[in-house]
C-alpha atoms as a PDB file:
ATOM      1  CA  UNK A   1       3.240   4.462   4.870  1.00  0.00           C
ATOM      2  CA  UNK A   2       0.481   1.944   4.775  1.00  0.00           C
ATOM      3  CA  UNK A   3       0.276   0.816   1.125  1.00  0.00           C
ATOM      4  CA  UNK A   4       2.935  -0.943  -0.922  1.00  0.00           C
ATOM      5  CA  UNK A   5       2.426  -1.488  -4.635  1.00  0.00           C
ATOM      6  CA  UNK A   6       4.835  -3.912  -6.293  1.00  0.00           C
ATOM      7  CA  UNK A   7       5.235  -4.118 -10.057  1.00  0.00           C
ATOM      8  CA  UNK A   8       7.568  -5.891 -12.452  1.00  0.00           C
ATOM      9  CA  UNK A   9       8.335  -3.894 -15.570  1.00  0.00           C
ATOM     10  CA  UNK A  10       9.855  -5.928 -18.396  1.00  0.00           C
ATOM     11  CA  UNK A  11      13.130  -4.542 -19.674  1.00  0.00           C
ATOM     12  CA  UNK A  12      13.116  -2.811 -23.027  1.00  0.00           C
ATOM     13  CA  UNK A  13      15.637  -1.309 -25.407  1.00  0.00           C
ATOM     14  CA  UNK A  14      13.113   1.509 -25.932  1.00  0.00           C
ATOM     15  CA  UNK A  15      11.712   3.868 -23.303  1.00  0.00           C
ATOM     16  CA  UNK A  16       9.201   2.447 -20.781  1.00  0.00           C
ATOM     17  CA  UNK A  17       7.413   3.979 -17.792  1.00  0.00           C
ATOM     18  CA  UNK A  18       8.561   2.489 -14.497  1.00  0.00           C
ATOM     19  CA  UNK A  19       6.272   4.626 -12.308  1.00  0.00           C
ATOM     20  CA  UNK A  20       3.506   7.043 -13.193  1.00  0.00           C
ATOM     21  CA  UNK A  21       3.395  10.398 -11.401  1.00  0.00           C
ATOM     22  CA  UNK A  22       1.829  10.008  -7.947  1.00  0.00           C
ATOM     23  CA  UNK A  23       1.435  12.912  -5.513  1.00  0.00           C
ATOM     24  CA  UNK A  24       0.818  10.394  -2.704  1.00  0.00           C
ATOM     25  CA  UNK A  25       4.216   8.697  -3.163  1.00  0.00           C
ATOM     26  CA  UNK A  26       6.225   8.601   0.029  1.00  0.00           C
ATOM     27  CA  UNK A  27       8.980   6.262  -1.100  1.00  0.00           C
ATOM     28  CA  UNK A  28       9.943   4.066  -4.036  1.00  0.00           C
ATOM     29  CA  UNK A  29      12.679   1.547  -4.644  1.00  0.00           C
ATOM     30  CA  UNK A  30      13.958  -0.163  -7.770  1.00  0.00           C
ATOM     31  CA  UNK A  31      15.863  -3.402  -8.297  1.00  0.00           C
ATOM     32  CA  UNK A  32      17.352  -3.990 -11.741  1.00  0.00           C
ATOM     33  CA  UNK A  33      16.737  -7.722 -12.124  1.00  0.00           C
ATOM     34  CA  UNK A  34      18.615  -7.844 -15.415  1.00  0.00           C
ATOM     35  CA  UNK A  35      22.095  -8.522 -16.732  1.00  0.00           C
ATOM     36  CA  UNK A  36      21.966  -5.171 -18.566  1.00  0.00           C
ATOM     37  CA  UNK A  37      22.406  -1.561 -17.449  1.00  0.00           C
ATOM     38  CA  UNK A  38      19.173   0.402 -16.979  1.00  0.00           C
ATOM     39  CA  UNK A  39      19.071   4.172 -17.381  1.00  0.00           C
ATOM     40  CA  UNK A  40      16.433   5.515 -14.970  1.00  0.00           C
ATOM     41  CA  UNK A  41      15.127   9.045 -15.491  1.00  0.00           C
ATOM     42  CA  UNK A  42      13.074  11.362 -13.291  1.00  0.00           C
ATOM     43  CA  UNK A  43      10.735  12.542 -16.038  1.00  0.00           C
ATOM     44  CA  UNK A  44       9.770  11.443 -19.515  1.00  0.00           C
ATOM     45  CA  UNK A  45      11.786   9.565 -22.105  1.00  0.00           C
ATOM     46  CA  UNK A  46      14.935   8.019 -20.701  1.00  0.00           C
ATOM     47  CA  UNK A  47      17.851   7.462 -23.066  1.00  0.00           C
ATOM     48  CA  UNK A  48      21.450   6.357 -22.597  1.00  0.00           C
ATOM     49  CA  UNK A  49      22.431  10.037 -22.713  1.00  0.00           C
ATOM     50  CA  UNK A  50      19.459  11.551 -20.825  1.00  0.00           C
ATOM     51  CA  UNK A  51      18.932   9.926 -17.447  1.00  0.00           C
ATOM     52  CA  UNK A  52      19.053  10.560 -13.711  1.00  0.00           C
ATOM     53  CA  UNK A  53      20.809   7.428 -12.495  1.00  0.00           C
ATOM     54  CA  UNK A  54      22.462   4.469 -14.203  1.00  0.00           C
ATOM     55  CA  UNK A  55      21.628   1.125 -12.585  1.00  0.00           C
ATOM     56  CA  UNK A  56      24.069  -1.689 -13.236  1.00  0.00           C
ATOM     57  CA  UNK A  57      22.880  -5.297 -13.434  1.00  0.00           C
ATOM     58  CA  UNK A  58      21.426  -6.358 -10.049  1.00  0.00           C
ATOM     59  CA  UNK A  59      21.637  -2.784  -8.699  1.00  0.00           C
ATOM     60  CA  UNK A  60      19.221  -1.370  -6.112  1.00  0.00           C
ATOM     61  CA  UNK A  61      18.099   2.268  -5.892  1.00  0.00           C
ATOM     62  CA  UNK A  62      15.819   4.205  -3.540  1.00  0.00           C
ATOM     63  CA  UNK A  63      14.339   7.618  -4.306  1.00  0.00           C
ATOM     64  CA  UNK A  64      15.892  10.381  -2.222  1.00  0.00           C
ATOM     65  CA  UNK A  65      13.732  11.333   0.751  1.00  0.00           C
ATOM     66  CA  UNK A  66      13.282  14.441   2.875  1.00  0.00           C
ATOM     67  CA  UNK A  67      11.173  14.632   6.043  1.00  0.00           C
ATOM     68  CA  UNK A  68       9.907  11.095   5.484  1.00  0.00           C
ATOM     69  CA  UNK A  69       8.683  11.661   1.919  1.00  0.00           C
ATOM     70  CA  UNK A  70      10.089  11.076  -1.541  1.00  0.00           C
ATOM     71  CA  UNK A  71      11.476  14.325  -2.934  1.00  0.00           C
ATOM     72  CA  UNK A  72      10.243  13.404  -6.424  1.00  0.00           C
ATOM     73  CA  UNK A  73       6.665  12.312  -7.129  1.00  0.00           C
ATOM     74  CA  UNK A  74       6.617  12.679 -10.924  1.00  0.00           C
ATOM     75  CA  UNK A  75       6.885  10.145 -13.731  1.00  0.00           C
ATOM     76  CA  UNK A  76       9.907   7.822 -13.798  1.00  0.00           C
ATOM     77  CA  UNK A  77      10.996   6.218 -17.070  1.00  0.00           C
ATOM     78  CA  UNK A  78      13.696   3.716 -17.927  1.00  0.00           C
ATOM     79  CA  UNK A  79      15.544   2.129 -20.817  1.00  0.00           C
ATOM     80  CA  UNK A  80      17.980  -0.793 -20.844  1.00  0.00           C
ATOM     81  CA  UNK A  81      21.124  -1.282 -22.910  1.00  0.00           C
ATOM     82  CA  UNK A  82      19.279  -4.321 -24.318  1.00  0.00           C
ATOM     83  CA  UNK A  83      16.109  -6.138 -23.272  1.00  0.00           C
ATOM     84  CA  UNK A  84      16.883  -8.734 -20.627  1.00  0.00           C
ATOM     85  CA  UNK A  85      15.024  -9.243 -17.332  1.00  0.00           C
ATOM     86  CA  UNK A  86      12.886  -6.705 -15.500  1.00  0.00           C
ATOM     87  CA  UNK A  87      12.791  -3.835 -13.039  1.00  0.00           C
ATOM     88  CA  UNK A  88      11.257  -4.761  -9.681  1.00  0.00           C
ATOM     89  CA  UNK A  89       9.515  -1.621  -8.426  1.00  0.00           C
ATOM     90  CA  UNK A  90       7.978  -0.963  -5.012  1.00  0.00           C
ATOM     91  CA  UNK A  91       6.072   2.261  -4.368  1.00  0.00           C
ATOM     92  CA  UNK A  92       4.901   3.198  -0.863  1.00  0.00           C
ATOM     93  CA  UNK A  93       1.987   5.550  -0.266  1.00  0.00           C
ATOM     94  CA  UNK A  94      -0.388   6.460   2.567  1.00  0.00           C
END
């Protein structure tokens, strides 16, 4: 992994894209820099009832990996219980 792309995505009470699909993704990590829960979804349109993982305030999450690569390279969306703070996202690629 030779490239790291860091982004800050402002929290939102409506769906936002945290990461676009990227076939070169080898790893990604997320830090919920908010006082609110964020619902992170592998795929489009996260909601409080349709999500992959629930990140509490100040929670950290890494994409699952297999053989040194992220097992999911598609779009990742998120939505917060209410807008407050941001998601700190780091994506690693070759």
